[in-house]
Structures are given as C-alpha cells and as structure tokens.
Amino acid sequence: MPNNLPSIVQISQLTRCYGQHTILDNITASVQQGDVIALLGKNGAGKTTLLETILGFALPDEGEVRLFGTLHHDIDAKEKQRIGFVPQQDELLEQINPHEHLAMFARFQPNWDQALCDRLCHSWEIPLITRISKLSLGQRQKLSIILALCHKPQLLVLDEPVASLDPIARRQFLAELINIAVDQQTAIIFSSHIVTDMERVANKVWVLKDHRLCWQGELDTLKESVVRLHITATGALPEQLQIANTVREVRHGKTAMVTVSHWQTALLPTLEEQLQAQIRVEQLNLEDIFLELHA
C-alpha cells in the first residue's frame, strides 16, 4: 500500500567527506510520520555522521536534507522545537540539578508534557535534587531521554540512547518509544548496538555498509528477503553453486550453508532441481541478518 503520510525527513543524494575519505556516499532516503527506523552499521560506518547531518549540525558535500520540507540548515526556532535529540555524549548542564534543568527546558517548549515528565522521573528514579555532575552515566542518559521526549517532538533522533542503561531501564525506554510512535505518530530514527532492542520497536531498517545504505525498507521485508539456505546434496555439489544474490557461503562435502538476499520462496523447487539437493530455508532475526551482511 502507498504511504501517504507526511514526509518528515527527505534525504537526497547525500555525500559527506572528511578530507579524502568518503563517510557517506550518495544516500537517498525518507522518513514519514509514524516511522520507527533502526539505523544499523558497524563502528565507524557513519551512523553518527548521518544523524548529525540530518539535524543540520554539518553541511553535506553533495546533496541535501530537508526537515518538514525545509532545508535542514534553514529551519527556524519553531521547527527546531519539533525535534528531539539524544546524542551519544550528553550535553547536560552539570552545575544544576535535574529539577532545575527540566524546569528551565520546559519554559522554552510550548508542548511540554509535565505529567509525562513527572511519571518518567518517578519510574526511572531520577534524583531530582542531586547535582547533575554527581549522577551516574545511566541516570544522565535517562535525563537526556526525558528532555528529548517530553516536549512531544514530531521527529525524535536517538544516537545510542540505551548504551548506559540496565536491562530494566531499557525495557521501560522501549515501551515509551512504542507509546510515542503509536499515540503521537512521531517519526523516530535511532541507532544502537543492541540489535535485539531495535527489533522490538522498529518497523523499518537502514543498514549502512561501505558508506552507503545497503538496505532501507520494512523490517518484515528485510527478514523475508535475507535467509540462510541449508543444502544437502544427493551427490557431489557443483564447484560453483551459482545461487543469485549470495551473501555468504560455507561448504562441507555434500552440504553447504548459503546466506542469500532478495530471496523468493518460488525459487526453491528450481534450485533443488538444479543442485540435486534438499534445501531447508532458515529465517533469520535482525541480529543474524546484520552479522551475515557484514561477514
């Protein structure tokens, strides 16, 4: 079905370079209202660079990014209030306490939800009168997330938002993300090394590899597309299996394990006849797919 929801982010042929090194190469993508996008990539793949460029912290060398239809470097203060951002390293004011920080931030946000703020501070056990410089990394990260959530942003960008959270806090945070995505139709882009967490909440996936988005689309479509074939031949396997869209191949005598992309179930009978083999198709979870794509 076509997606007629408003475009929150539009990325067109985006390229970013540092000196002679290309970090992002010709990336085109869009984010619609209600999307929850998991951004995957190895360390150094350019995830943080992509998120920061989307938000206008740096200009692209080529291409453009539009937020709410406006070039990202031209958005005004009112449009910036529609964005929530949690960076890898927090930018909290260390000499005040969380109560003062939240109160100060709320004064500049016309859509501030004090009831949500109070509930999160209570359930996440934020010490409101302790100086921020004295908080643990996990407490600081929770406070950063509250600041990003409670003004009801239309675009929420999260760069490794749960790296310092324990499993209980991560589950609470993910539950809030689901509620926000459903209730407010907020567009969310987030990166994390905890792929199982991302699989719980994302409906779309961007995979950064070799400076490009090697995959962008629905999570369910990705899981249907990338599968592992367990092949057991009746005789000797041919020297070249010649299976289209092979990602990785491991052979042991008459058996082989082949990961393929763009898989279609209708291909199975033809492939079994071609190889004179029985083939079992294994569906993979998001973490397995990520590992296979980067094997």
Protein backbone atom coordinates (compact mmCIF):
# COMPACT_ATOMS: atom_id res chain seq x y z
CA MET A 1 0.00 0.00 0.00
CA PRO A 2 1.32 3.50 -0.75
CA ASN A 3 2.37 5.62 2.23
CA ASN A 4 0.51 8.92 2.10
CA LEU A 5 1.72 10.16 5.48
CA PRO A 6 3.66 13.44 5.54
CA SER A 7 7.40 13.33 4.87
CA ILE A 8 9.31 14.45 7.97
CA VAL A 9 12.82 13.91 6.58
CA GLN A 10 13.85 13.82 2.93
CA ILE A 11 17.48 12.92 2.13
CA SER A 12 18.58 13.34 -1.50
CA GLN A 13 21.94 12.10 -2.85
CA LEU A 14 23.72 12.97 0.41
CA THR A 15 27.52 12.72 0.42
CA ARG A 16 29.84 13.63 3.30
CA CYS A 17 33.62 13.55 3.21
CA TYR A 18 36.42 14.13 5.71
CA GLY A 19 39.45 15.17 3.70
CA GLN A 20 39.99 12.50 1.06
CA HIS A 21 37.79 9.96 2.87
CA THR A 22 34.14 9.48 1.93
CA ILE A 23 31.99 8.83 5.01
CA LEU A 24 28.53 8.87 3.41
CA ASP A 25 28.14 8.17 -0.30
CA ASN A 26 25.08 9.21 -2.33
CA ILE A 27 22.43 8.40 0.26
CA THR A 28 18.78 8.93 -0.60
CA ALA A 29 16.06 8.10 1.92
CA SER A 30 12.93 9.47 3.50
CA VAL A 31 11.18 9.31 6.87
CA GLN A 32 7.42 9.53 7.20
CA GLN A 33 5.23 10.34 10.15
CA GLY A 34 4.98 7.28 12.41
CA ASP A 35 8.14 5.57 11.10
CA VAL A 36 10.41 3.95 13.69
CA ILE A 37 13.71 3.42 11.89
CA ALA A 38 16.57 1.31 13.25
CA LEU A 39 19.91 2.57 11.91
CA LEU A 40 22.45 -0.28 11.80
CA GLY A 41 26.12 -0.28 10.94
CA LYS A 42 29.50 -1.31 12.30
CA ASN A 43 31.59 1.10 14.36
CA GLY A 44 32.88 3.78 12.02
CA ALA A 45 30.21 3.12 9.38
CA GLY A 46 28.98 6.72 9.60
CA LYS A 47 25.83 6.37 11.73
CA THR A 48 26.56 9.39 13.93
CA THR A 49 27.68 11.42 10.90
CA LEU A 50 24.39 10.61 9.15
CA LEU A 51 22.28 11.57 12.17
CA GLU A 52 24.20 14.81 12.76
CA THR A 53 23.95 15.75 9.08
CA ILE A 54 20.20 15.12 9.08
CA LEU A 55 19.87 17.51 12.00
CA GLY A 56 21.93 20.22 10.29
CA PHE A 57 24.96 20.12 12.59
CA ALA A 58 27.09 19.85 9.44
CA LEU A 59 26.52 20.56 5.76
CA PRO A 60 26.74 17.82 3.14
CA ASP A 61 29.44 17.98 0.49
CA GLU A 62 26.81 16.99 -2.06
CA GLY A 63 23.04 16.55 -1.97
CA GLU A 64 20.58 17.93 0.53
CA VAL A 65 18.45 17.16 3.57
CA ARG A 66 15.02 18.61 4.21
CA LEU A 67 13.22 18.63 7.55
CA PHE A 68 9.47 19.29 7.40
CA GLY A 69 10.03 20.38 3.80
CA THR A 70 12.72 22.97 4.68
CA LEU A 71 16.45 22.65 4.02
CA HIS A 72 17.92 21.42 7.31
CA HIS A 73 20.24 24.42 7.73
CA ASP A 74 17.37 26.86 7.19
CA ILE A 75 14.86 25.59 9.75
CA ASP A 76 13.73 28.23 12.24
CA ALA A 77 13.34 28.09 16.02
CA LYS A 78 9.73 26.95 15.81
CA GLU A 79 10.67 23.98 13.62
CA LYS A 80 13.59 23.10 15.90
CA GLN A 81 11.08 22.75 18.75
CA ARG A 82 9.53 19.90 16.76
CA ILE A 83 12.76 17.86 17.09
CA GLY A 84 14.08 15.77 19.98
CA PHE A 85 17.69 14.59 20.01
CA VAL A 86 19.69 12.33 22.31
CA PRO A 87 23.41 12.36 21.38
CA GLN A 88 25.96 9.72 22.36
CA GLN A 89 27.57 12.16 24.80
CA ASP A 90 25.04 14.17 26.80
CA GLU A 91 25.17 17.96 26.86
CA LEU A 92 23.61 18.46 30.30
CA LEU A 93 24.39 21.47 32.49
CA GLU A 94 26.41 19.83 35.23
CA GLN A 95 26.25 22.57 37.86
CA ILE A 96 22.46 22.41 38.32
CA ASN A 97 20.18 19.58 39.36
CA PRO A 98 17.68 17.64 37.19
CA HIS A 99 14.67 19.54 38.61
CA GLU A 100 16.22 22.88 37.61
CA HIS A 101 17.32 21.56 34.22
CA LEU A 102 13.88 20.20 33.38
CA ALA A 103 12.12 23.36 34.57
CA MET A 104 14.43 25.58 32.51
CA PHE A 105 13.99 23.45 29.38
CA ALA A 106 10.20 23.32 29.81
CA ARG A 107 9.96 27.13 29.72
CA PHE A 108 11.15 27.11 26.10
CA GLN A 109 8.87 24.28 24.97
CA PRO A 110 5.20 25.18 24.37
CA ASN A 111 4.23 21.49 24.07
CA TRP A 112 5.96 20.36 27.25
CA ASP A 113 4.11 17.45 28.90
CA GLN A 114 4.72 17.89 32.63
CA ALA A 115 2.64 14.84 33.53
CA LEU A 116 4.82 12.64 31.30
CA CYS A 117 7.95 14.24 32.73
CA ASP A 118 6.83 13.59 36.31
CA ARG A 119 5.89 9.99 35.52
CA LEU A 120 9.21 9.22 33.83
CA CYS A 121 11.25 10.89 36.57
CA HIS A 122 9.42 8.77 39.14
CA SER A 123 9.54 5.43 37.29
CA TRP A 124 13.16 5.93 36.19
CA GLU A 125 14.17 7.05 39.70
CA ILE A 126 15.81 10.32 38.70
CA PRO A 127 17.34 12.04 41.79
CA LEU A 128 15.86 15.47 41.11
CA ILE A 129 17.81 17.48 43.69
CA THR A 130 21.25 15.92 43.13
CA ARG A 131 23.70 17.96 41.09
CA ILE A 132 23.93 16.53 37.57
CA SER A 133 27.70 16.21 37.82
CA LYS A 134 27.11 13.66 40.61
CA LEU A 135 24.73 11.44 38.59
CA SER A 136 25.74 8.07 37.18
CA LEU A 137 26.07 7.61 33.41
CA GLY A 138 22.79 5.72 33.36
CA GLN A 139 20.96 8.46 35.27
CA ARG A 140 22.36 11.13 32.95
CA GLN A 141 21.25 9.15 29.92
CA LYS A 142 17.74 8.76 31.36
CA LEU A 143 17.58 12.51 31.98
CA SER A 144 18.70 13.23 28.40
CA ILE A 145 15.96 10.94 27.10
CA ILE A 146 13.32 12.66 29.25
CA LEU A 147 14.40 16.06 27.90
CA ALA A 148 14.05 14.70 24.35
CA LEU A 149 10.67 13.02 24.88
CA CYS A 150 8.59 15.35 26.99
CA HIS A 151 8.08 18.21 24.54
CA LYS A 152 6.29 15.77 22.19
CA PRO A 153 8.64 16.08 19.20
CA GLN A 154 7.48 15.19 15.70
CA LEU A 155 10.99 13.95 14.89
CA LEU A 156 12.99 12.06 17.52
CA VAL A 157 16.64 11.21 16.76
CA LEU A 158 18.49 8.92 19.16
CA ASP A 159 22.19 8.08 18.85
CA GLU A 160 22.98 5.06 21.06
CA PRO A 161 20.31 6.10 23.60
CA VAL A 162 20.49 2.97 25.79
CA ALA A 163 24.23 2.30 25.95
CA SER A 164 24.42 3.07 29.70
CA LEU A 165 21.01 1.69 30.74
CA ASP A 166 20.42 -1.56 32.58
CA PRO A 167 18.00 -4.13 31.04
CA ILE A 168 15.01 -2.94 33.11
CA ALA A 169 15.55 0.71 32.14
CA ARG A 170 16.00 -0.31 28.50
CA ARG A 171 12.66 -2.12 28.52
CA GLN A 172 10.96 0.92 30.09
CA PHE A 173 12.50 3.20 27.48
CA LEU A 174 11.45 0.94 24.60
CA ALA A 175 7.90 0.82 25.95
CA GLU A 176 7.82 4.63 25.94
CA LEU A 177 9.11 4.67 22.34
CA ILE A 178 6.30 2.35 21.26
CA ASN A 179 3.70 4.50 23.03
CA ILE A 180 5.05 7.68 21.42
CA ALA A 181 5.18 6.16 17.95
CA VAL A 182 1.59 4.91 18.23
CA ASP A 183 -0.04 7.79 20.12
CA GLN A 184 1.77 10.79 18.66
CA GLN A 185 2.77 9.42 15.24
CA THR A 186 6.27 10.71 15.89
CA ALA A 187 8.98 9.83 13.36
CA ILE A 188 11.87 8.13 15.16
CA ILE A 189 15.38 7.33 13.95
CA PHE A 190 17.65 5.55 16.40
CA SER A 191 20.94 3.69 16.39
CA SER A 192 22.06 1.12 18.93
CA HIS A 193 24.50 -1.76 19.20
CA ILE A 194 21.80 -3.76 20.99
CA VAL A 195 20.10 -5.07 17.87
CA THR A 196 17.54 -7.16 19.79
CA ASP A 197 16.18 -3.95 21.32
CA MET A 198 15.84 -2.32 17.92
CA GLU A 199 13.98 -5.33 16.55
CA ARG A 200 11.35 -4.95 19.29
CA VAL A 201 10.27 -1.47 18.26
CA ALA A 202 11.39 -0.68 14.70
CA ASN A 203 9.16 -1.07 11.66
CA LYS A 204 11.87 0.00 9.21
CA VAL A 205 15.62 -0.59 8.94
CA TRP A 206 18.50 1.34 7.42
CA VAL A 207 21.75 -0.63 7.10
CA LEU A 208 24.92 1.40 6.49
CA LYS A 209 27.73 -0.53 4.81
CA ASP A 210 30.64 0.72 2.72
CA HIS A 211 29.39 4.31 3.14
CA ARG A 212 26.01 3.55 1.55
CA LEU A 213 22.62 2.36 2.65
CA CYS A 214 22.83 -1.25 1.51
CA TRP A 215 19.28 -1.78 2.78
CA GLN A 216 16.40 0.54 3.57
CA GLY A 217 12.86 -0.62 3.96
CA GLU A 218 10.37 -2.52 6.09
CA LEU A 219 11.81 -4.74 8.82
CA ASP A 220 9.47 -7.60 7.89
CA THR A 221 10.52 -7.35 4.24
CA LEU A 222 14.21 -7.50 5.22
CA LYS A 223 13.58 -10.61 7.33
CA GLU A 224 11.78 -12.27 4.43
CA SER A 225 14.49 -11.20 1.97
CA VAL A 226 17.65 -12.39 3.76
CA VAL A 227 17.57 -16.12 4.59
CA ARG A 228 20.02 -18.95 5.20
CA LEU A 229 19.78 -21.99 2.91
CA HIS A 230 20.87 -25.35 4.35
CA ILE A 231 21.70 -27.51 1.32
CA THR A 232 22.16 -31.29 1.42
CA ALA A 233 23.03 -32.82 -1.94
CA THR A 234 22.36 -36.43 -3.02
CA GLY A 235 25.71 -36.46 -4.81
CA ALA A 236 28.63 -34.08 -5.09
CA LEU A 237 27.82 -30.40 -5.07
CA PRO A 238 28.91 -28.47 -8.17
CA GLU A 239 32.12 -26.50 -7.84
CA GLN A 240 30.16 -23.28 -8.34
CA LEU A 241 26.71 -23.19 -6.73
CA GLN A 242 25.71 -20.16 -8.80
CA ILE A 243 22.98 -19.05 -6.40
CA ALA A 244 21.88 -15.50 -7.15
CA ASN A 245 22.43 -12.78 -4.52
CA THR A 246 24.73 -14.92 -2.36
CA VAL A 247 25.91 -13.02 0.71
CA ARG A 248 27.99 -15.80 2.32
CA GLU A 249 28.75 -19.44 1.52
CA VAL A 250 30.17 -22.22 3.72
CA ARG A 251 30.67 -25.73 2.25
CA HIS A 252 31.36 -29.12 3.87
CA GLY A 253 31.42 -32.02 1.42
CA LYS A 254 27.88 -32.68 0.22
CA THR A 255 26.41 -29.92 2.38
CA ALA A 256 26.51 -26.15 2.15
CA MET A 257 25.13 -23.24 4.11
CA VAL A 258 24.41 -20.23 1.93
CA THR A 259 23.02 -16.88 3.01
CA VAL A 260 21.19 -15.04 0.24
CA SER A 261 19.40 -11.73 -0.15
CA HIS A 262 16.30 -10.98 -2.22
CA TRP A 263 15.04 -14.50 -1.56
CA GLN A 264 11.75 -15.64 -3.05
CA THR A 265 10.06 -18.85 -1.92
CA ALA A 266 9.09 -19.64 -5.52
CA LEU A 267 12.80 -20.20 -6.31
CA LEU A 268 13.10 -23.23 -4.03
CA PRO A 269 11.90 -26.06 -6.36
CA THR A 270 14.07 -24.86 -9.25
CA LEU A 271 17.12 -24.52 -7.00
CA GLU A 272 16.63 -28.01 -5.52
CA GLU A 273 16.41 -29.50 -9.02
CA GLN A 274 19.44 -27.52 -10.21
CA LEU A 275 21.62 -28.68 -7.31
CA GLN A 276 20.05 -32.14 -6.93
CA ALA A 277 19.66 -31.40 -3.25
CA GLN A 278 17.25 -30.91 -0.40
CA ILE A 279 17.16 -27.34 0.85
CA ARG A 280 15.91 -26.09 4.19
CA VAL A 281 15.20 -22.35 4.41
CA GLU A 282 16.08 -20.75 7.75
CA GLN A 283 14.50 -17.43 8.67
CA LEU A 284 16.88 -15.09 10.50
CA ASN A 285 16.38 -12.47 13.17
CA LEU A 286 17.66 -8.92 12.74
CA GLU A 287 20.91 -9.54 14.62
CA ASP A 288 21.72 -12.59 12.48
CA ILE A 289 20.94 -10.63 9.30
CA PHE A 290 23.22 -7.80 10.40
CA LEU A 291 26.07 -10.24 11.12
CA GLU A 292 25.58 -12.03 7.79
CA LEU A 293 25.56 -8.79 5.80
CA HIS A 294 28.88 -7.84 7.43
CA ALA A 295 30.51 -11.28 7.43
